[in-house]
C-alpha cells in the first residue's frame, strides 16, 4: 500500500510504502530531510487502495465521531464510506472517508453521497 502525500519541503506529491512512512527521507528538490506527514497532519494525503489502514480509521473517527454521519441516523458507525466513491475517483483519505452504519453504506453503494442523500426517502 502506497502513502501518497505532499512533501513538507517542496510541496510536490511523493509516495512511500505505508509501512515505511515513519522513516526519514530527503527531498530531491530541496535536499532537506523530513518524515512524511501523518494522516492527521495532511488530511488530503491518501493510500492507493480502496481499503484503509486501521490508523486512518482511528483518525477519521477521532475527527468525525463514532456515529453514522447520515442525517437522522444515530447508529454507531460500523464502517467508513468514501463520500466520493472510490469507483468514481474518490481517494482513500481522511477528508473523503466518513463514519457510516452498514445499512446506509450498503444503500449508498458507489453513488455520489450528495445525490444519494437527496434521493433518499
PDB file of N, CA and C in Angstrom:
ATOM      1  N   UNK A   1       0.847  -1.168   0.000  1.00  0.00           N
ATOM      2  CA  UNK A   1       0.000   0.000   0.000  1.00  0.00           C
ATOM      3  C   UNK A   1       0.898   1.238   0.000  1.00  0.00           C
ATOM      4  N   UNK A   2       0.599   2.161  -0.910  1.00  0.00           N
ATOM      5  CA  UNK A   2       1.401   3.384  -1.013  1.00  0.00           C
ATOM      6  C   UNK A   2       0.723   4.537  -0.264  1.00  0.00           C
ATOM      7  N   UNK A   3       1.519   5.301   0.466  1.00  0.00           N
ATOM      8  CA  UNK A   3       1.069   6.506   1.143  1.00  0.00           C
ATOM      9  C   UNK A   3       1.490   7.690   0.274  1.00  0.00           C
ATOM     10  N   UNK A   4       0.517   8.371  -0.314  1.00  0.00           N
ATOM     11  CA  UNK A   4       0.747   9.497  -1.215  1.00  0.00           C
ATOM     12  C   UNK A   4       0.540  10.795  -0.441  1.00  0.00           C
ATOM     13  N   UNK A   5       1.529  11.649  -0.439  1.00  0.00           N
ATOM     14  CA  UNK A   5       1.498  12.867   0.368  1.00  0.00           C
ATOM     15  C   UNK A   5       2.255  13.979  -0.348  1.00  0.00           C
ATOM     16  N   UNK A   6       1.988  15.210   0.085  1.00  0.00           N
ATOM     17  CA  UNK A   6       2.747  16.350  -0.408  1.00  0.00           C
ATOM     18  C   UNK A   6       3.977  16.532   0.471  1.00  0.00           C
ATOM     19  N   UNK A   7       5.122  16.620  -0.156  1.00  0.00           N
ATOM     20  CA  UNK A   7       6.381  16.785   0.563  1.00  0.00           C
ATOM     21  C   UNK A   7       6.329  18.075   1.391  1.00  0.00           C
ATOM     22  N   UNK A   8       6.649  17.997   2.690  1.00  0.00           N
ATOM     23  CA  UNK A   8       6.644  19.208   3.517  1.00  0.00           C
ATOM     24  C   UNK A   8       7.762  20.186   3.152  1.00  0.00           C
ATOM     25  N   UNK A   9       8.724  19.734   2.385  1.00  0.00           N
ATOM     26  CA  UNK A   9       9.835  20.596   1.965  1.00  0.00           C
ATOM     27  C   UNK A   9       9.494  21.386   0.694  1.00  0.00           C
ATOM     28  N   UNK A  10       8.990  20.690  -0.336  1.00  0.00           N
ATOM     29  CA  UNK A  10       8.774  21.345  -1.638  1.00  0.00           C
ATOM     30  C   UNK A  10       7.305  21.413  -2.060  1.00  0.00           C
ATOM     31  N   UNK A  11       6.423  20.655  -1.402  1.00  0.00           N
ATOM     32  CA  UNK A  11       5.004  20.670  -1.729  1.00  0.00           C
ATOM     33  C   UNK A  11       4.592  19.751  -2.863  1.00  0.00           C
ATOM     34  N   UNK A  12       5.543  19.065  -3.487  1.00  0.00           N
ATOM     35  CA  UNK A  12       5.208  18.151  -4.574  1.00  0.00           C
ATOM     36  C   UNK A  12       4.743  16.817  -3.997  1.00  0.00           C
ATOM     37  N   UNK A  13       3.923  16.107  -4.787  1.00  0.00           N
ATOM     38  CA  UNK A  13       3.424  14.815  -4.344  1.00  0.00           C
ATOM     39  C   UNK A  13       4.523  13.756  -4.431  1.00  0.00           C
ATOM     40  N   UNK A  14       4.634  12.953  -3.388  1.00  0.00           N
ATOM     41  CA  UNK A  14       5.559  11.829  -3.310  1.00  0.00           C
ATOM     42  C   UNK A  14       4.803  10.648  -2.721  1.00  0.00           C
ATOM     43  N   UNK A  15       5.425   9.495  -2.732  1.00  0.00           N
ATOM     44  CA  UNK A  15       4.817   8.334  -2.077  1.00  0.00           C
ATOM     45  C   UNK A  15       5.903   7.489  -1.426  1.00  0.00           C
ATOM     46  N   UNK A  16       5.491   6.792  -0.382  1.00  0.00           N
ATOM     47  CA  UNK A  16       6.323   5.796   0.293  1.00  0.00           C
ATOM     48  C   UNK A  16       5.421   4.622   0.621  1.00  0.00           C
ATOM     49  N   UNK A  17       6.013   3.488   0.875  1.00  0.00           N
ATOM     50  CA  UNK A  17       5.237   2.346   1.347  1.00  0.00           C
ATOM     51  C   UNK A  17       4.638   2.714   2.704  1.00  0.00           C
ATOM     52  N   UNK A  18       3.370   2.380   2.916  1.00  0.00           N
ATOM     53  CA  UNK A  18       2.684   2.733   4.164  1.00  0.00           C
ATOM     54  C   UNK A  18       3.485   2.291   5.382  1.00  0.00           C
ATOM     55  N   UNK A  19       4.075   1.103   5.329  1.00  0.00           N
ATOM     56  CA  UNK A  19       4.792   0.573   6.490  1.00  0.00           C
ATOM     57  C   UNK A  19       6.109   1.300   6.748  1.00  0.00           C
ATOM     58  N   UNK A  20       6.561   2.103   5.779  1.00  0.00           N
ATOM     59  CA  UNK A  20       7.830   2.821   5.932  1.00  0.00           C
ATOM     60  C   UNK A  20       7.635   4.331   6.053  1.00  0.00           C
ATOM     61  N   UNK A  21       6.413   4.767   6.309  1.00  0.00           N
ATOM     62  CA  UNK A  21       6.113   6.198   6.298  1.00  0.00           C
ATOM     63  C   UNK A  21       6.674   6.966   7.488  1.00  0.00           C
ATOM     64  N   UNK A  22       7.180   6.282   8.497  1.00  0.00           N
ATOM     65  CA  UNK A  22       7.737   6.990   9.652  1.00  0.00           C
ATOM     66  C   UNK A  22       9.250   7.172   9.542  1.00  0.00           C
ATOM     67  N   UNK A  23       9.820   6.727   8.433  1.00  0.00           N
ATOM     68  CA  UNK A  23      11.255   6.902   8.229  1.00  0.00           C
ATOM     69  C   UNK A  23      11.593   8.315   7.784  1.00  0.00           C
ATOM     70  N   UNK A  24      12.881   8.626   7.761  1.00  0.00           N
ATOM     71  CA  UNK A  24      13.332   9.939   7.281  1.00  0.00           C
ATOM     72  C   UNK A  24      13.672   9.841   5.805  1.00  0.00           C
ATOM     73  N   UNK A  25      13.304  10.880   5.073  1.00  0.00           N
ATOM     74  CA  UNK A  25      13.536  10.940   3.640  1.00  0.00           C
ATOM     75  C   UNK A  25      14.200  12.264   3.290  1.00  0.00           C
ATOM     76  N   UNK A  26      14.851  12.286   2.151  1.00  0.00           N
ATOM     77  CA  UNK A  26      15.472  13.505   1.654  1.00  0.00           C
ATOM     78  C   UNK A  26      14.698  13.970   0.435  1.00  0.00           C
ATOM     79  N   UNK A  27      14.290  15.228   0.448  1.00  0.00           N
ATOM     80  CA  UNK A  27      13.567  15.806  -0.684  1.00  0.00           C
ATOM     81  C   UNK A  27      14.552  15.960  -1.836  1.00  0.00           C
ATOM     82  N   UNK A  28      14.179  15.444  -2.995  1.00  0.00           N
ATOM     83  CA  UNK A  28      15.075  15.536  -4.149  1.00  0.00           C
ATOM     84  C   UNK A  28      15.095  16.935  -4.772  1.00  0.00           C
ATOM     85  N   UNK A  29      14.219  17.820  -4.308  1.00  0.00           N
ATOM     86  CA  UNK A  29      14.207  19.197  -4.804  1.00  0.00           C
ATOM     87  C   UNK A  29      15.017  20.112  -3.888  1.00  0.00           C
ATOM     88  N   UNK A  30      14.713  20.071  -2.574  1.00  0.00           N
ATOM     89  CA  UNK A  30      15.372  20.986  -1.626  1.00  0.00           C
ATOM     90  C   UNK A  30      16.564  20.361  -0.913  1.00  0.00           C
ATOM     91  N   UNK A  31      16.677  19.039  -0.999  1.00  0.00           N
ATOM     92  CA  UNK A  31      17.709  18.270  -0.286  1.00  0.00           C
ATOM     93  C   UNK A  31      17.517  18.291   1.237  1.00  0.00           C
ATOM     94  N   UNK A  32      16.392  18.817   1.706  1.00  0.00           N
ATOM     95  CA  UNK A  32      16.076  18.796   3.135  1.00  0.00           C
ATOM     96  C   UNK A  32      15.549  17.433   3.539  1.00  0.00           C
ATOM     97  N   UNK A  33      15.757  17.055   4.797  1.00  0.00           N
ATOM     98  CA  UNK A  33      15.234  15.777   5.285  1.00  0.00           C
ATOM     99  C   UNK A  33      13.929  16.017   6.036  1.00  0.00           C
ATOM    100  N   UNK A  34      13.077  15.017   5.988  1.00  0.00           N
ATOM    101  CA  UNK A  34      11.768  15.125   6.617  1.00  0.00           C
ATOM    102  C   UNK A  34      11.218  13.736   6.883  1.00  0.00           C
ATOM    103  N   UNK A  35      10.202  13.676   7.726  1.00  0.00           N
ATOM    104  CA  UNK A  35       9.390  12.474   7.932  1.00  0.00           C
ATOM    105  C   UNK A  35       8.062  12.770   7.237  1.00  0.00           C
ATOM    106  N   UNK A  36       7.559  11.860   6.402  1.00  0.00           N
ATOM    107  CA  UNK A  36       6.281  12.117   5.721  1.00  0.00           C
ATOM    108  C   UNK A  36       5.174  12.463   6.719  1.00  0.00           C
ATOM    109  N   UNK A  37       4.268  13.346   6.340  1.00  0.00           N
ATOM    110  CA  UNK A  37       3.183  13.728   7.242  1.00  0.00           C
ATOM    111  C   UNK A  37       2.251  12.554   7.527  1.00  0.00           C
ATOM    112  N   UNK A  38       1.684  12.571   8.707  1.00  0.00           N
ATOM    113  CA  UNK A  38       0.723  11.542   9.106  1.00  0.00           C
ATOM    114  C   UNK A  38      -0.650  11.875   8.510  1.00  0.00           C
ATOM    115  N   UNK A  39      -1.590  10.930   8.563  1.00  0.00           N
ATOM    116  CA  UNK A  39      -2.945  11.234   8.093  1.00  0.00           C
ATOM    117  C   UNK A  39      -3.563  12.430   8.825  1.00  0.00           C
ATOM    118  N   UNK A  40      -3.272  12.584  10.104  1.00  0.00           N
ATOM    119  CA  UNK A  40      -3.810  13.714  10.874  1.00  0.00           C
ATOM    120  C   UNK A  40      -3.187  15.028  10.402  1.00  0.00           C
ATOM    121  N   UNK A  41      -1.931  14.992  10.034  1.00  0.00           N
ATOM    122  CA  UNK A  41      -1.232  16.210   9.621  1.00  0.00           C
ATOM    123  C   UNK A  41      -1.585  16.649   8.204  1.00  0.00           C
ATOM    124  N   UNK A  42      -1.917  15.702   7.338  1.00  0.00           N
ATOM    125  CA  UNK A  42      -2.222  16.037   5.950  1.00  0.00           C
ATOM    126  C   UNK A  42      -3.452  15.243   5.521  1.00  0.00           C
ATOM    127  N   UNK A  43      -4.600  15.841   5.698  1.00  0.00           N
ATOM    128  CA  UNK A  43      -5.859  15.122   5.519  1.00  0.00           C
ATOM    129  C   UNK A  43      -6.214  14.804   4.078  1.00  0.00           C
ATOM    130  N   UNK A  44      -5.527  15.428   3.119  1.00  0.00           N
ATOM    131  CA  UNK A  44      -5.780  15.079   1.718  1.00  0.00           C
ATOM    132  C   UNK A  44      -4.800  14.037   1.203  1.00  0.00           C
ATOM    133  N   UNK A  45      -3.816  13.652   2.015  1.00  0.00           N
ATOM    134  CA  UNK A  45      -2.916  12.562   1.647  1.00  0.00           C
ATOM    135  C   UNK A  45      -3.747  11.277   1.633  1.00  0.00           C
ATOM    136  N   UNK A  46      -3.314  10.293   0.864  1.00  0.00           N
ATOM    137  CA  UNK A  46      -4.168   9.124   0.672  1.00  0.00           C
ATOM    138  C   UNK A  46      -3.352   7.858   0.422  1.00  0.00           C
ATOM    139  N   UNK A  47      -4.009   6.722   0.657  1.00  0.00           N
ATOM    140  CA  UNK A  47      -3.427   5.438   0.283  1.00  0.00           C
ATOM    141  C   UNK A  47      -3.998   5.063  -1.081  1.00  0.00           C
ATOM    142  N   UNK A  48      -3.272   4.213  -1.798  1.00  0.00           N
ATOM    143  CA  UNK A  48      -3.645   3.896  -3.182  1.00  0.00           C
ATOM    144  C   UNK A  48      -4.571   2.696  -3.304  1.00  0.00           C
ATOM    145  N   UNK A  49      -5.277   2.352  -2.249  1.00  0.00           N
ATOM    146  CA  UNK A  49      -6.204   1.227  -2.273  1.00  0.00           C
ATOM    147  C   UNK A  49      -7.575   1.678  -1.778  1.00  0.00           C
ATOM    148  N   UNK A  50      -8.584   0.880  -2.050  1.00  0.00           N
ATOM    149  CA  UNK A  50      -9.937   1.152  -1.547  1.00  0.00           C
ATOM    150  C   UNK A  50      -9.973   1.002  -0.032  1.00  0.00           C
ATOM    151  N   UNK A  51      -9.251   0.013   0.471  1.00  0.00           N
ATOM    152  CA  UNK A  51      -9.240  -0.253   1.908  1.00  0.00           C
ATOM    153  C   UNK A  51      -8.261   0.682   2.608  1.00  0.00           C
ATOM    154  N   UNK A  52      -8.531   0.961   3.854  1.00  0.00           N
ATOM    155  CA  UNK A  52      -7.723   1.884   4.626  1.00  0.00           C
ATOM    156  C   UNK A  52      -7.043   1.142   5.768  1.00  0.00           C
ATOM    157  N   UNK A  53      -5.884   1.630   6.176  1.00  0.00           N
ATOM    158  CA  UNK A  53      -5.225   1.032   7.330  1.00  0.00           C
ATOM    159  C   UNK A  53      -5.952   1.444   8.623  1.00  0.00           C
ATOM    160  N   UNK A  54      -5.850   0.619   9.658  1.00  0.00           N
ATOM    161  CA  UNK A  54      -6.527   0.931  10.926  1.00  0.00           C
ATOM    162  C   UNK A  54      -6.174   2.316  11.479  1.00  0.00           C
ATOM    163  N   UNK A  55      -4.950   2.757  11.281  1.00  0.00           N
ATOM    164  CA  UNK A  55      -4.542   4.074  11.788  1.00  0.00           C
ATOM    165  C   UNK A  55      -5.366   5.192  11.146  1.00  0.00           C
ATOM    166  N   UNK A  56      -5.713   5.037   9.868  1.00  0.00           N
ATOM    167  CA  UNK A  56      -6.542   6.055   9.213  1.00  0.00           C
ATOM    168  C   UNK A  56      -7.952   6.045   9.787  1.00  0.00           C
ATOM    169  N   UNK A  57      -8.482   4.854  10.034  1.00  0.00           N
ATOM    170  CA  UNK A  57      -9.831   4.767  10.613  1.00  0.00           C
ATOM    171  C   UNK A  57      -9.865   5.448  11.974  1.00  0.00           C
ATOM    172  N   UNK A  58      -8.847   5.250  12.776  1.00  0.00           N
ATOM    173  CA  UNK A  58      -8.782   5.888  14.092  1.00  0.00           C
ATOM    174  C   UNK A  58      -8.805   7.407  13.975  1.00  0.00           C
ATOM    175  N   UNK A  59      -8.095   7.949  13.004  1.00  0.00           N
ATOM    176  CA  UNK A  59      -8.074   9.400  12.805  1.00  0.00           C
ATOM    177  C   UNK A  59      -9.448   9.889  12.344  1.00  0.00           C
ATOM    178  N   UNK A  60     -10.059   9.207  11.379  1.00  0.00           N
ATOM    179  CA  UNK A  60     -11.385   9.607  10.888  1.00  0.00           C
ATOM    180  C   UNK A  60     -12.377   9.642  12.049  1.00  0.00           C
ATOM    181  N   UNK A  61     -12.402   8.598  12.843  1.00  0.00           N
ATOM    182  CA  UNK A  61     -13.354   8.513  13.957  1.00  0.00           C
ATOM    183  C   UNK A  61     -13.050   9.573  15.017  1.00  0.00           C
ATOM    184  N   UNK A  62     -11.776   9.849  15.267  1.00  0.00           N
ATOM    185  CA  UNK A  62     -11.440  10.873  16.268  1.00  0.00           C
ATOM    186  C   UNK A  62     -11.873  12.265  15.809  1.00  0.00           C
ATOM    187  N   UNK A  63     -11.877  12.501  14.512  1.00  0.00           N
ATOM    188  CA  UNK A  63     -12.263  13.804  13.977  1.00  0.00           C
ATOM    189  C   UNK A  63     -13.771  13.899  13.744  1.00  0.00           C
ATOM    190  N   UNK A  64     -14.359  12.846  13.174  1.00  0.00           N
ATOM    191  CA  UNK A  64     -15.747  12.911  12.690  1.00  0.00           C
ATOM    192  C   UNK A  64     -16.764  12.190  13.560  1.00  0.00           C
ATOM    193  N   UNK A  65     -16.291  11.493  14.578  1.00  0.00           N
ATOM    194  CA  UNK A  65     -17.209  10.871  15.527  1.00  0.00           C
ATOM    195  C   UNK A  65     -17.427   9.387  15.310  1.00  0.00           C
ATOM    196  N   UNK A  66     -18.111   8.771  16.280  1.00  0.00           N
ATOM    197  CA  UNK A  66     -18.315   7.329  16.302  1.00  0.00           C
ATOM    198  C   UNK A  66     -19.702   6.910  15.832  1.00  0.00           C
ATOM    199  N   UNK A  67     -20.436   7.843  15.246  1.00  0.00           N
ATOM    200  CA  UNK A  67     -21.785   7.537  14.797  1.00  0.00           C
ATOM    201  C   UNK A  67     -21.903   7.751  13.296  1.00  0.00           C
ATOM    202  N   UNK A  68     -22.884   7.097  12.708  1.00  0.00           N
ATOM    203  CA  UNK A  68     -23.169   7.253  11.283  1.00  0.00           C
ATOM    204  C   UNK A  68     -23.385   8.739  10.992  1.00  0.00           C
ATOM    205  N   UNK A  69     -22.774   9.230   9.938  1.00  0.00           N
ATOM    206  CA  UNK A  69     -22.859  10.660   9.623  1.00  0.00           C
ATOM    207  C   UNK A  69     -24.034  11.011   8.704  1.00  0.00           C
ATOM    208  N   UNK A  70     -24.911  10.052   8.449  1.00  0.00           N
ATOM    209  CA  UNK A  70     -26.111  10.340   7.664  1.00  0.00           C
ATOM    210  C   UNK A  70     -27.086  11.078   8.583  1.00  0.00           C
ATOM    211  N   UNK A  71     -27.594  12.231   8.147  1.00  0.00           N
ATOM    212  CA  UNK A  71     -28.517  12.988   8.986  1.00  0.00           C
ATOM    213  C   UNK A  71     -29.698  12.141   9.461  1.00  0.00           C
ATOM    214  N   UNK A  72     -29.995  12.229  10.758  1.00  0.00           N
ATOM    215  CA  UNK A  72     -31.111  11.499  11.348  1.00  0.00           C
ATOM    216  C   UNK A  72     -30.789  10.083  11.792  1.00  0.00           C
ATOM    217  N   UNK A  73     -29.595   9.593  11.460  1.00  0.00           N
ATOM    218  CA  UNK A  73     -29.205   8.250  11.899  1.00  0.00           C
ATOM    219  C   UNK A  73     -28.359   8.384  13.161  1.00  0.00           C
ATOM    220  N   UNK A  74     -28.706   7.626  14.168  1.00  0.00           N
ATOM    221  CA  UNK A  74     -27.981   7.705  15.429  1.00  0.00           C
ATOM    222  C   UNK A  74     -27.297   6.389  15.780  1.00  0.00           C
ATOM    223  N   UNK A  75     -27.129   5.535  14.769  1.00  0.00           N
ATOM    224  CA  UNK A  75     -26.451   4.262  14.988  1.00  0.00           C
ATOM    225  C   UNK A  75     -24.952   4.473  15.090  1.00  0.00           C
ATOM    226  N   UNK A  76     -24.304   3.606  15.854  1.00  0.00           N
ATOM    227  CA  UNK A  76     -22.840   3.629  15.915  1.00  0.00           C
ATOM    228  C   UNK A  76     -22.301   3.269  14.531  1.00  0.00           C
ATOM    229  N   UNK A  77     -21.205   3.883  14.174  1.00  0.00           N
ATOM    230  CA  UNK A  77     -20.620   3.572  12.868  1.00  0.00           C
ATOM    231  C   UNK A  77     -20.129   2.129  12.872  1.00  0.00           C
ATOM    232  N   UNK A  78     -20.144   1.512  11.696  1.00  0.00           N
ATOM    233  CA  UNK A  78     -19.656   0.141  11.540  1.00  0.00           C
ATOM    234  C   UNK A  78     -18.577   0.044  10.471  1.00  0.00           C
ATOM    235  N   UNK A  79     -18.517   1.057   9.634  1.00  0.00           N
ATOM    236  CA  UNK A  79     -17.524   1.095   8.561  1.00  0.00           C
ATOM    237  C   UNK A  79     -17.272   2.542   8.197  1.00  0.00           C
ATOM    238  N   UNK A  80     -16.362   2.749   7.285  1.00  0.00           N
ATOM    239  CA  UNK A  80     -16.146   4.081   6.729  1.00  0.00           C
ATOM    240  C   UNK A  80     -16.657   4.074   5.296  1.00  0.00           C
ATOM    241  N   UNK A  81     -17.066   5.242   4.839  1.00  0.00           N
ATOM    242  CA  UNK A  81     -17.594   5.389   3.487  1.00  0.00           C
ATOM    243  C   UNK A  81     -16.785   6.437   2.739  1.00  0.00           C
ATOM    244  N   UNK A  82     -16.519   6.167   1.474  1.00  0.00           N
ATOM    245  CA  UNK A  82     -15.901   7.165   0.598  1.00  0.00           C
ATOM    246  C   UNK A  82     -17.022   8.104   0.143  1.00  0.00           C
ATOM    247  N   UNK A  83     -16.987   9.380   0.553  1.00  0.00           N
ATOM    248  CA  UNK A  83     -18.021  10.327   0.119  1.00  0.00           C
ATOM    249  C   UNK A  83     -18.038  10.414  -1.392  1.00  0.00           C
ATOM    250  N   UNK A  84     -16.874  10.601  -1.997  1.00  0.00           N
ATOM    251  CA  UNK A  84     -16.750  10.463  -3.446  1.00  0.00           C
ATOM    252  C   UNK A  84     -16.310   9.021  -3.633  1.00  0.00           C
ATOM    253  N   UNK A  85     -17.145   8.232  -4.253  1.00  0.00           N
ATOM    254  CA  UNK A  85     -16.899   6.794  -4.356  1.00  0.00           C
ATOM    255  C   UNK A  85     -15.528   6.497  -4.967  1.00  0.00           C
ATOM    256  N   UNK A  86     -14.902   5.466  -4.458  1.00  0.00           N
ATOM    257  CA  UNK A  86     -13.614   5.001  -4.974  1.00  0.00           C
ATOM    258  C   UNK A  86     -13.710   4.765  -6.480  1.00  0.00           C
ATOM    259  N   UNK A  87     -14.812   4.162  -6.911  1.00  0.00           N
ATOM    260  CA  UNK A  87     -15.000   3.843  -8.332  1.00  0.00           C
ATOM    261  C   UNK A  87     -15.158   5.095  -9.194  1.00  0.00           C
ATOM    262  N   UNK A  88     -15.428   6.228  -8.562  1.00  0.00           N
ATOM    263  CA  UNK A  88     -15.562   7.498  -9.278  1.00  0.00           C
ATOM    264  C   UNK A  88     -14.361   8.407  -9.063  1.00  0.00           C
ATOM    265  N   UNK A  89     -13.253   7.823  -8.617  1.00  0.00           N
ATOM    266  CA  UNK A  89     -12.035   8.612  -8.431  1.00  0.00           C
ATOM    267  C   UNK A  89     -11.838   9.167  -7.037  1.00  0.00           C
ATOM    268  N   UNK A  90     -12.713   8.808  -6.106  1.00  0.00           N
ATOM    269  CA  UNK A  90     -12.551   9.274  -4.726  1.00  0.00           C
ATOM    270  C   UNK A  90     -11.319   8.658  -4.088  1.00  0.00           C
ATOM    271  N   UNK A  91     -10.642   9.411  -3.283  1.00  0.00           N
ATOM    272  CA  UNK A  91      -9.411   8.953  -2.631  1.00  0.00           C
ATOM    273  C   UNK A  91      -9.724   8.324  -1.271  1.00  0.00           C
ATOM    274  N   UNK A  92      -8.848   7.440  -0.851  1.00  0.00           N
ATOM    275  CA  UNK A  92      -8.933   6.877   0.492  1.00  0.00           C
ATOM    276  C   UNK A  92      -8.093   7.785   1.377  1.00  0.00           C
ATOM    277  N   UNK A  93      -8.738   8.885   1.780  1.00  0.00           N
ATOM    278  CA  UNK A  93      -8.077   9.925   2.568  1.00  0.00           C
ATOM    279  C   UNK A  93      -8.966  10.323   3.738  1.00  0.00           C
ATOM    280  N   UNK A  94      -8.374  10.993   4.702  1.00  0.00           N
ATOM    281  CA  UNK A  94      -9.143  11.459   5.853  1.00  0.00           C
ATOM    282  C   UNK A  94     -10.266  12.387   5.397  1.00  0.00           C
ATOM    283  N   UNK A  95      -9.995  13.250   4.440  1.00  0.00           N
ATOM    284  CA  UNK A  95     -11.032  14.193   4.016  1.00  0.00           C
ATOM    285  C   UNK A  95     -12.160  13.527   3.240  1.00  0.00           C
ATOM    286  N   UNK A  96     -11.968  12.340   2.666  1.00  0.00           N
ATOM    287  CA  UNK A  96     -13.004  11.687   1.874  1.00  0.00           C
ATOM    288  C   UNK A  96     -13.677  10.513   2.594  1.00  0.00           C
ATOM    289  N   UNK A  97     -13.180  10.111   3.741  1.00  0.00           N
ATOM    290  CA  UNK A  97     -13.775   8.990   4.484  1.00  0.00           C
ATOM    291  C   UNK A  97     -14.651   9.523   5.620  1.00  0.00           C
ATOM    292  N   UNK A  98     -15.822   8.902   5.782  1.00  0.00           N
ATOM    293  CA  UNK A  98     -16.759   9.301   6.834  1.00  0.00           C
ATOM    294  C   UNK A  98     -17.332   8.063   7.501  1.00  0.00           C
ATOM    295  N   UNK A  99     -17.568   8.131   8.816  1.00  0.00           N
ATOM    296  CA  UNK A  99     -18.192   7.005   9.515  1.00  0.00           C
ATOM    297  C   UNK A  99     -19.631   6.790   9.031  1.00  0.00           C
ATOM    298  N   UNK A 100     -20.001   5.513   8.889  1.00  0.00           N
ATOM    299  CA  UNK A 100     -21.348   5.181   8.436  1.00  0.00           C
ATOM    300  C   UNK A 100     -21.761   3.835   9.009  1.00  0.00           C
ATOM    301  N   UNK A 101     -23.048   3.654   9.208  1.00  0.00           N
ATOM    302  CA  UNK A 101     -23.553   2.339   9.595  1.00  0.00           C
ATOM    303  C   UNK A 101     -23.596   1.468   8.329  1.00  0.00           C
ATOM    304  N   UNK A 102     -23.622   0.174   8.522  1.00  0.00           N
ATOM    305  CA  UNK A 102     -23.628  -0.741   7.371  1.00  0.00           C
ATOM    306  C   UNK A 102     -24.858  -0.556   6.487  1.00  0.00           C
ATOM    307  N   UNK A 103     -26.010  -0.321   7.100  1.00  0.00           N
ATOM    308  CA  UNK A 103     -27.254  -0.167   6.328  1.00  0.00           C
ATOM    309  C   UNK A 103     -27.127   0.985   5.329  1.00  0.00           C
ATOM    310  N   UNK A 104     -26.664   2.130   5.782  1.00  0.00           N
ATOM    311  CA  UNK A 104     -26.538   3.280   4.884  1.00  0.00           C
ATOM    312  C   UNK A 104     -25.392   3.086   3.891  1.00  0.00           C
ATOM    313  N   UNK A 105     -24.304   2.484   4.330  1.00  0.00           N
ATOM    314  CA  UNK A 105     -23.181   2.241   3.427  1.00  0.00           C
ATOM    315  C   UNK A 105     -23.591   1.326   2.278  1.00  0.00           C
ATOM    316  N   UNK A 106     -24.334   0.277   2.589  1.00  0.00           N
ATOM    317  CA  UNK A 106     -24.802  -0.648   1.547  1.00  0.00           C
ATOM    318  C   UNK A 106     -25.817   0.024   0.633  1.00  0.00           C
ATOM    319  N   UNK A 107     -26.689   0.850   1.194  1.00  0.00           N
ATOM    320  CA  UNK A 107     -27.693   1.552   0.400  1.00  0.00           C
ATOM    321  C   UNK A 107     -27.031   2.544  -0.560  1.00  0.00           C
ATOM    322  N   UNK A 108     -26.014   3.230  -0.100  1.00  0.00           N
ATOM    323  CA  UNK A 108     -25.322   4.219  -0.936  1.00  0.00           C
ATOM    324  C   UNK A 108     -24.535   3.550  -2.047  1.00  0.00           C
ATOM    325  N   UNK A 109     -23.888   2.430  -1.741  1.00  0.00           N
ATOM    326  CA  UNK A 109     -23.083   1.739  -2.750  1.00  0.00           C
ATOM    327  C   UNK A 109     -22.038   2.660  -3.353  1.00  0.00           C
ATOM    328  N   UNK A 110     -21.963   2.704  -4.678  1.00  0.00           N
ATOM    329  CA  UNK A 110     -20.991   3.541  -5.377  1.00  0.00           C
ATOM    330  C   UNK A 110     -21.578   4.880  -5.811  1.00  0.00           C
ATOM    331  N   UNK A 111     -22.705   5.248  -5.251  1.00  0.00           N
ATOM    332  CA  UNK A 111     -23.327   6.521  -5.604  1.00  0.00           C
ATOM    333  C   UNK A 111     -22.549   7.691  -5.036  1.00  0.00           C
ATOM    334  N   UNK A 112     -22.748   8.851  -5.648  1.00  0.00           N
ATOM    335  CA  UNK A 112     -22.265  10.096  -5.069  1.00  0.00           C
ATOM    336  C   UNK A 112     -23.072  10.338  -3.794  1.00  0.00           C
ATOM    337  N   UNK A 113     -22.404  10.660  -2.709  1.00  0.00           N
ATOM    338  CA  UNK A 113     -23.075  10.818  -1.419  1.00  0.00           C
ATOM    339  C   UNK A 113     -24.210  11.834  -1.485  1.00  0.00           C
ATOM    340  N   UNK A 114     -23.948  13.011  -2.052  1.00  0.00           N
ATOM    341  CA  UNK A 114     -24.951  14.077  -2.031  1.00  0.00           C
ATOM    342  C   UNK A 114     -26.138  13.730  -2.912  1.00  0.00           C
ATOM    343  N   UNK A 115     -25.923  13.096  -4.039  1.00  0.00           N
ATOM    344  CA  UNK A 115     -27.034  12.662  -4.899  1.00  0.00           C
ATOM    345  C   UNK A 115     -27.846  11.577  -4.215  1.00  0.00           C
ATOM    346  N   UNK A 116     -27.140  10.620  -3.596  1.00  0.00           N
ATOM    347  CA  UNK A 116     -27.815   9.539  -2.874  1.00  0.00           C
ATOM    348  C   UNK A 116     -28.656  10.108  -1.728  1.00  0.00           C
ATOM    349  N   UNK A 117     -28.080  11.048  -0.982  1.00  0.00           N
ATOM    350  CA  UNK A 117     -28.775  11.629   0.160  1.00  0.00           C
ATOM    351  C   UNK A 117     -30.031  12.392  -0.297  1.00  0.00           C
ATOM    352  N   UNK A 118     -29.924  13.120  -1.390  1.00  0.00           N
ATOM    353  CA  UNK A 118     -31.063  13.886  -1.902  1.00  0.00           C
ATOM    354  C   UNK A 118     -32.186  12.970  -2.382  1.00  0.00           C
ATOM    355  N   UNK A 119     -31.850  11.784  -2.883  1.00  0.00           N
ATOM    356  CA  UNK A 119     -32.853  10.853  -3.400  1.00  0.00           C
ATOM    357  C   UNK A 119     -33.401   9.922  -2.331  1.00  0.00           C
ATOM    358  N   UNK A 120     -32.771   9.925  -1.154  1.00  0.00           N
ATOM    359  CA  UNK A 120     -33.160   9.007  -0.073  1.00  0.00           C
ATOM    360  C   UNK A 120     -34.569   9.376   0.417  1.00  0.00           C
ATOM    361  N   UNK A 121     -35.459   8.369   0.542  1.00  0.00           N
ATOM    362  CA  UNK A 121     -36.829   8.659   1.036  1.00  0.00           C
ATOM    363  C   UNK A 121     -36.844   9.046   2.494  1.00  0.00           C
TER     364      UNK A 121
END
